[in-house]
Amino acid sequence: MRSALLIVVALGFAASSPAGAQAMRTGEASGPRKEDPLGFGALSKDRPKGSKTEITAQKEATFNEKDNMAIFIGSVRVKDPSFLMSCDRLTVYLNKGRSGIDRALADGNVVIVQQTDNPSEKGAIGRSRQAEYVPSTGMITLIGWPEVQQGINRHLASQESTRMILNRDGRATTEGPSRTVITDTEEAGKTR
């Protein structure tokens, strides 16, 4: 039986106030609420100091101190306070001070699931062949037949080259051909 390699990366991003940490967990924010049509807003919230990301890999973990890089291979799973992710291979680049992640590149069968504190609320799900996550900007780029699903509604690439970029403020941008499928859940009233 293979044992999983377990790495816990303590991320030392800028500290936020306790109220900011609460906002991250609950999705509440002070001031006007911003629209988040794809439901990925929690991915971009400021991370409280001491937040941890746990990465497991079933086949291999390689660390390169010179390049501040780690590579995880084989049924990779990432557990973060804001999201869960699975992929075949994950390359993590640490910042120069090694106090956090500069960027992460996921390859092969990428699935990202938004974490929510409310069990009755379904988080958004993103799928693609590759993904890049940059914590300092809060941007996630889905590459290679990307799609995002929120509940029963889906936004899908029409070509492999289409890219979906999920931004810090909850906006999403699609570069290239795509289609959106919105499913009505309520019966339309009679207008006669």
C-alpha atoms as a PDB file:
ATOM      1  CA  MET A   1       0.000   0.000   0.000  1.00  0.00           C
ATOM      2  CA  ARG A   2       1.361   3.410  -0.963  1.00  0.00           C
ATOM      3  CA  SER A   3       1.528   6.007   1.721  1.00  0.00           C
ATOM      4  CA  ALA A   4       0.683   9.586   0.886  1.00  0.00           C
ATOM      5  CA  LEU A   5       3.376  12.212   1.143  1.00  0.00           C
ATOM      6  CA  LEU A   6       2.042  15.023   3.282  1.00  0.00           C
ATOM      7  CA  ILE A   7       3.343  18.567   3.190  1.00  0.00           C
ATOM      8  CA  VAL A   8       1.882  21.411   5.198  1.00  0.00           C
ATOM      9  CA  VAL A   9       2.872  24.819   3.895  1.00  0.00           C
ATOM     10  CA  ALA A  10       2.378  27.680   6.342  1.00  0.00           C
ATOM     11  CA  LEU A  11       1.552  30.759   4.348  1.00  0.00           C
ATOM     12  CA  GLY A  12       2.766  34.056   5.757  1.00  0.00           C
ATOM     13  CA  PHE A  13       0.632  36.505   3.821  1.00  0.00           C
ATOM     14  CA  ALA A  14      -0.204  39.954   5.163  1.00  0.00           C
ATOM     15  CA  ALA A  15      -2.190  39.739   8.355  1.00  0.00           C
ATOM     16  CA  SER A  16      -5.784  40.796   8.266  1.00  0.00           C
ATOM     17  CA  SER A  17      -7.977  41.869  11.121  1.00  0.00           C
ATOM     18  CA  PRO A  18     -10.133  39.337  12.984  1.00  0.00           C
ATOM     19  CA  ALA A  19     -13.111  40.905  11.194  1.00  0.00           C
ATOM     20  CA  GLY A  20     -11.352  40.255   7.882  1.00  0.00           C
ATOM     21  CA  ALA A  21     -10.761  36.636   8.850  1.00  0.00           C
ATOM     22  CA  GLN A  22     -14.443  36.303   9.758  1.00  0.00           C
ATOM     23  CA  ALA A  23     -15.400  37.839   6.399  1.00  0.00           C
ATOM     24  CA  MET A  24     -13.226  35.246   4.645  1.00  0.00           C
ATOM     25  CA  ARG A  25     -14.919  32.373   6.454  1.00  0.00           C
ATOM     26  CA  THR A  26     -18.471  33.634   6.049  1.00  0.00           C
ATOM     27  CA  GLY A  27     -18.258  35.531   2.782  1.00  0.00           C
ATOM     28  CA  GLU A  28     -19.506  38.653   4.548  1.00  0.00           C
ATOM     29  CA  ALA A  29     -17.705  41.904   3.920  1.00  0.00           C
ATOM     30  CA  SER A  30     -17.977  45.385   5.252  1.00  0.00           C
ATOM     31  CA  GLY A  31     -19.418  47.835   2.757  1.00  0.00           C
ATOM     32  CA  PRO A  32     -21.570  47.034  -0.269  1.00  0.00           C
ATOM     33  CA  ARG A  33     -21.677  43.423  -1.378  1.00  0.00           C
ATOM     34  CA  LYS A  34     -20.037  42.752  -4.740  1.00  0.00           C
ATOM     35  CA  GLU A  35     -21.583  40.469  -7.301  1.00  0.00           C
ATOM     36  CA  ASP A  36     -19.907  37.091  -7.689  1.00  0.00           C
ATOM     37  CA  PRO A  37     -21.709  35.404 -10.581  1.00  0.00           C
ATOM     38  CA  LEU A  38     -19.507  32.310 -10.607  1.00  0.00           C
ATOM     39  CA  GLY A  39     -19.284  31.918  -6.842  1.00  0.00           C
ATOM     40  CA  PHE A  40     -15.480  32.036  -6.604  1.00  0.00           C
ATOM     41  CA  GLY A  41     -15.229  35.166  -4.437  1.00  0.00           C
ATOM     42  CA  ALA A  42     -13.929  33.256  -1.420  1.00  0.00           C
ATOM     43  CA  LEU A  43     -10.846  32.276  -3.413  1.00  0.00           C
ATOM     44  CA  SER A  44      -9.661  35.861  -3.446  1.00  0.00           C
ATOM     45  CA  LYS A  45     -10.244  36.979   0.123  1.00  0.00           C
ATOM     46  CA  ASP A  46      -7.238  38.177   2.092  1.00  0.00           C
ATOM     47  CA  ARG A  47      -5.727  35.263   3.936  1.00  0.00           C
ATOM     48  CA  PRO A  48      -5.271  35.569   7.675  1.00  0.00           C
ATOM     49  CA  LYS A  49      -1.695  35.259   8.916  1.00  0.00           C
ATOM     50  CA  GLY A  50      -0.878  31.648   9.679  1.00  0.00           C
ATOM     51  CA  SER A  51      -3.266  30.159   7.100  1.00  0.00           C
ATOM     52  CA  LYS A  52      -2.114  26.711   6.050  1.00  0.00           C
ATOM     53  CA  THR A  53      -2.376  24.809   2.810  1.00  0.00           C
ATOM     54  CA  GLU A  54      -1.995  21.031   2.993  1.00  0.00           C
ATOM     55  CA  ILE A  55      -0.740  19.176  -0.103  1.00  0.00           C
ATOM     56  CA  THR A  56      -0.719  15.380  -0.460  1.00  0.00           C
ATOM     57  CA  ALA A  57       0.736  13.360  -3.341  1.00  0.00           C
ATOM     58  CA  GLN A  58       0.532   9.598  -3.876  1.00  0.00           C
ATOM     59  CA  LYS A  59       3.687   9.071  -5.978  1.00  0.00           C
ATOM     60  CA  GLU A  60       6.369  11.678  -5.437  1.00  0.00           C
ATOM     61  CA  ALA A  61       7.318  15.000  -3.860  1.00  0.00           C
ATOM     62  CA  THR A  62      10.511  16.749  -4.982  1.00  0.00           C
ATOM     63  CA  PHE A  63      11.944  19.874  -3.357  1.00  0.00           C
ATOM     64  CA  ASN A  64      14.441  22.199  -5.010  1.00  0.00           C
ATOM     65  CA  GLU A  65      15.843  24.663  -2.454  1.00  0.00           C
ATOM     66  CA  LYS A  66      17.908  26.545  -5.029  1.00  0.00           C
ATOM     67  CA  ASP A  67      14.834  27.413  -7.117  1.00  0.00           C
ATOM     68  CA  ASN A  68      12.368  27.635  -4.156  1.00  0.00           C
ATOM     69  CA  MET A  69      10.208  25.059  -5.895  1.00  0.00           C
ATOM     70  CA  ALA A  70       8.343  21.874  -5.004  1.00  0.00           C
ATOM     71  CA  ILE A  71       6.785  19.352  -7.393  1.00  0.00           C
ATOM     72  CA  PHE A  72       4.050  16.940  -6.314  1.00  0.00           C
ATOM     73  CA  ILE A  73       3.070  14.008  -8.558  1.00  0.00           C
ATOM     74  CA  GLY A  74       0.269  11.454  -8.452  1.00  0.00           C
ATOM     75  CA  SER A  75      -3.301  12.063  -7.310  1.00  0.00           C
ATOM     76  CA  VAL A  76      -2.354  15.420  -5.821  1.00  0.00           C
ATOM     77  CA  ARG A  77      -4.850  16.900  -3.340  1.00  0.00           C
ATOM     78  CA  VAL A  78      -4.724  20.441  -1.976  1.00  0.00           C
ATOM     79  CA  LYS A  79      -6.716  21.510   1.074  1.00  0.00           C
ATOM     80  CA  ASP A  80      -6.787  25.281   1.540  1.00  0.00           C
ATOM     81  CA  PRO A  81      -9.104  27.368   3.763  1.00  0.00           C
ATOM     82  CA  SER A  82     -10.701  28.782   0.585  1.00  0.00           C
ATOM     83  CA  PHE A  83     -10.712  25.812  -1.782  1.00  0.00           C
ATOM     84  CA  LEU A  84     -10.024  22.151  -2.420  1.00  0.00           C
ATOM     85  CA  MET A  85      -8.115  21.107  -5.523  1.00  0.00           C
ATOM     86  CA  SER A  86      -7.102  17.873  -7.178  1.00  0.00           C
ATOM     87  CA  CYS A  87      -4.758  17.340 -10.131  1.00  0.00           C
ATOM     88  CA  ASP A  88      -2.190  14.909 -11.503  1.00  0.00           C
ATOM     89  CA  ARG A  89       0.840  17.174 -10.935  1.00  0.00           C
ATOM     90  CA  LEU A  90       1.365  20.379  -8.958  1.00  0.00           C
ATOM     91  CA  THR A  91       4.371  22.699  -9.140  1.00  0.00           C
ATOM     92  CA  VAL A  92       4.597  25.221  -6.295  1.00  0.00           C
ATOM     93  CA  TYR A  93       6.949  28.209  -6.457  1.00  0.00           C
ATOM     94  CA  LEU A  94       7.649  29.754  -3.043  1.00  0.00           C
ATOM     95  CA  ASN A  95       8.414  33.455  -2.680  1.00  0.00           C
ATOM     96  CA  LYS A  96      12.051  34.457  -2.097  1.00  0.00           C
ATOM     97  CA  GLY A  97      11.656  34.573   1.682  1.00  0.00           C
ATOM     98  CA  ARG A  98       9.915  31.172   1.609  1.00  0.00           C
ATOM     99  CA  SER A  99       7.149  32.661   3.703  1.00  0.00           C
ATOM    100  CA  GLY A 100       4.425  31.819   1.204  1.00  0.00           C
ATOM    101  CA  ILE A 101       3.501  30.705  -2.277  1.00  0.00           C
ATOM    102  CA  ASP A 102       4.449  32.941  -5.212  1.00  0.00           C
ATOM    103  CA  ARG A 103       2.412  30.883  -7.690  1.00  0.00           C
ATOM    104  CA  ALA A 104       1.203  27.345  -8.237  1.00  0.00           C
ATOM    105  CA  LEU A 105       0.721  25.462 -11.512  1.00  0.00           C
ATOM    106  CA  ALA A 106      -1.609  22.464 -11.647  1.00  0.00           C
ATOM    107  CA  ASP A 107      -1.503  20.004 -14.565  1.00  0.00           C
ATOM    108  CA  GLY A 108      -3.806  17.181 -15.590  1.00  0.00           C
ATOM    109  CA  ASN A 109      -7.436  16.637 -14.573  1.00  0.00           C
ATOM    110  CA  VAL A 110      -7.635  19.846 -12.538  1.00  0.00           C
ATOM    111  CA  VAL A 111     -10.706  20.257 -10.318  1.00  0.00           C
ATOM    112  CA  ILE A 112     -11.079  23.240  -7.965  1.00  0.00           C
ATOM    113  CA  VAL A 113     -13.965  23.355  -5.472  1.00  0.00           C
ATOM    114  CA  GLN A 114     -14.812  26.485  -3.507  1.00  0.00           C
ATOM    115  CA  GLN A 115     -15.008  25.947   0.251  1.00  0.00           C
ATOM    116  CA  THR A 116     -18.089  27.326   1.981  1.00  0.00           C
ATOM    117  CA  ASP A 117     -18.978  27.440   5.672  1.00  0.00           C
ATOM    118  CA  ASN A 118     -22.655  26.810   4.974  1.00  0.00           C
ATOM    119  CA  PRO A 119     -23.304  23.076   4.362  1.00  0.00           C
ATOM    120  CA  SER A 120     -26.493  23.841   2.410  1.00  0.00           C
ATOM    121  CA  GLU A 121     -24.606  26.187   0.057  1.00  0.00           C
ATOM    122  CA  LYS A 122     -22.824  24.611  -2.879  1.00  0.00           C
ATOM    123  CA  GLY A 123     -19.502  26.132  -3.839  1.00  0.00           C
ATOM    124  CA  ALA A 124     -18.513  26.694  -7.434  1.00  0.00           C
ATOM    125  CA  ILE A 125     -16.526  24.011  -9.240  1.00  0.00           C
ATOM    126  CA  GLY A 126     -13.882  24.760 -11.872  1.00  0.00           C
ATOM    127  CA  ARG A 127     -12.430  22.119 -14.184  1.00  0.00           C
ATOM    128  CA  SER A 128      -9.620  22.285 -16.739  1.00  0.00           C
ATOM    129  CA  ARG A 129      -6.510  20.543 -18.001  1.00  0.00           C
ATOM    130  CA  GLN A 130      -4.257  23.139 -16.347  1.00  0.00           C
ATOM    131  CA  ALA A 131      -4.611  25.958 -13.824  1.00  0.00           C
ATOM    132  CA  GLU A 132      -2.394  28.708 -12.466  1.00  0.00           C
ATOM    133  CA  TYR A 133      -3.027  30.292  -9.064  1.00  0.00           C
ATOM    134  CA  VAL A 134      -1.296  33.516  -7.984  1.00  0.00           C
ATOM    135  CA  PRO A 135      -2.176  34.222  -4.312  1.00  0.00           C
ATOM    136  CA  SER A 136      -0.865  37.820  -4.350  1.00  0.00           C
ATOM    137  CA  THR A 137      -3.424  38.775  -7.018  1.00  0.00           C
ATOM    138  CA  GLY A 138      -6.061  36.195  -6.104  1.00  0.00           C
ATOM    139  CA  MET A 139      -6.263  35.195  -9.776  1.00  0.00           C
ATOM    140  CA  ILE A 140      -6.894  31.678 -10.987  1.00  0.00           C
ATOM    141  CA  THR A 141      -6.492  30.962 -14.703  1.00  0.00           C
ATOM    142  CA  LEU A 142      -8.117  27.800 -16.044  1.00  0.00           C
ATOM    143  CA  ILE A 143      -6.483  26.552 -19.268  1.00  0.00           C
ATOM    144  CA  GLY A 144      -7.390  23.676 -21.610  1.00  0.00           C
ATOM    145  CA  TRP A 145     -11.150  23.137 -22.081  1.00  0.00           C
ATOM    146  CA  PRO A 146     -12.014  25.082 -18.908  1.00  0.00           C
ATOM    147  CA  GLU A 147     -15.479  25.106 -17.372  1.00  0.00           C
ATOM    148  CA  VAL A 148     -17.068  26.557 -14.259  1.00  0.00           C
ATOM    149  CA  GLN A 149     -20.225  25.192 -12.653  1.00  0.00           C
ATOM    150  CA  GLN A 150     -22.292  27.016 -10.022  1.00  0.00           C
ATOM    151  CA  GLY A 151     -25.163  24.812  -8.913  1.00  0.00           C
ATOM    152  CA  ILE A 152     -26.888  23.635 -12.091  1.00  0.00           C
ATOM    153  CA  ASN A 153     -25.568  26.491 -14.263  1.00  0.00           C
ATOM    154  CA  ARG A 154     -22.418  26.019 -16.343  1.00  0.00           C
ATOM    155  CA  HIS A 155     -19.973  28.173 -18.323  1.00  0.00           C
ATOM    156  CA  LEU A 156     -17.945  26.092 -20.796  1.00  0.00           C
ATOM    157  CA  ALA A 157     -15.136  26.639 -23.293  1.00  0.00           C
ATOM    158  CA  SER A 158     -16.025  26.041 -26.948  1.00  0.00           C
ATOM    159  CA  GLN A 159     -12.372  25.520 -27.917  1.00  0.00           C
ATOM    160  CA  GLU A 160      -9.384  24.024 -26.113  1.00  0.00           C
ATOM    161  CA  SER A 161      -7.480  27.349 -26.343  1.00  0.00           C
ATOM    162  CA  THR A 162     -10.142  29.252 -24.354  1.00  0.00           C
ATOM    163  CA  ARG A 163      -8.928  30.587 -20.987  1.00  0.00           C
ATOM    164  CA  MET A 164     -11.112  31.477 -17.990  1.00  0.00           C
ATOM    165  CA  ILE A 165      -9.646  33.946 -15.511  1.00  0.00           C
ATOM    166  CA  LEU A 166     -11.246  34.210 -12.073  1.00  0.00           C
ATOM    167  CA  ASN A 167     -10.382  37.607 -10.581  1.00  0.00           C
ATOM    168  CA  ARG A 168      -9.899  38.872  -7.028  1.00  0.00           C
ATOM    169  CA  ASP A 169     -13.150  40.852  -6.943  1.00  0.00           C
ATOM    170  CA  GLY A 170     -15.361  37.956  -8.021  1.00  0.00           C
ATOM    171  CA  ARG A 171     -15.359  38.893 -11.705  1.00  0.00           C
ATOM    172  CA  ALA A 172     -14.576  36.288 -14.314  1.00  0.00           C
ATOM    173  CA  THR A 173     -13.193  36.883 -17.792  1.00  0.00           C
ATOM    174  CA  THR A 174     -13.263  34.373 -20.608  1.00  0.00           C
ATOM    175  CA  GLU A 175     -10.738  34.754 -23.423  1.00  0.00           C
ATOM    176  CA  GLY A 176     -11.863  32.769 -26.459  1.00  0.00           C
ATOM    177  CA  PRO A 177     -15.059  31.056 -27.557  1.00  0.00           C
ATOM    178  CA  SER A 178     -17.413  29.866 -24.822  1.00  0.00           C
ATOM    179  CA  ARG A 179     -21.023  29.120 -24.041  1.00  0.00           C
ATOM    180  CA  THR A 180     -23.131  29.501 -20.930  1.00  0.00           C
ATOM    181  CA  VAL A 181     -25.962  27.162 -19.945  1.00  0.00           C
ATOM    182  CA  ILE A 182     -28.447  28.643 -17.463  1.00  0.00           C
ATOM    183  CA  THR A 183     -31.124  26.259 -16.206  1.00  0.00           C
ATOM    184  CA  ASP A 184     -34.444  27.724 -15.078  1.00  0.00           C
ATOM    185  CA  THR A 185     -35.584  26.199 -11.822  1.00  0.00           C
ATOM    186  CA  GLU A 186     -38.919  27.998 -11.551  1.00  0.00           C
ATOM    187  CA  GLU A 187     -41.902  27.619 -13.807  1.00  0.00           C
ATOM    188  CA  ALA A 188     -42.713  30.712 -15.792  1.00  0.00           C
ATOM    189  CA  GLY A 189     -46.045  32.296 -14.920  1.00  0.00           C
ATOM    190  CA  LYS A 190     -48.812  32.416 -17.464  1.00  0.00           C
ATOM    191  CA  THR A 191     -48.971  35.765 -19.244  1.00  0.00           C
ATOM    192  CA  ARG A 192     -52.347  35.401 -20.980  1.00  0.00           C
END
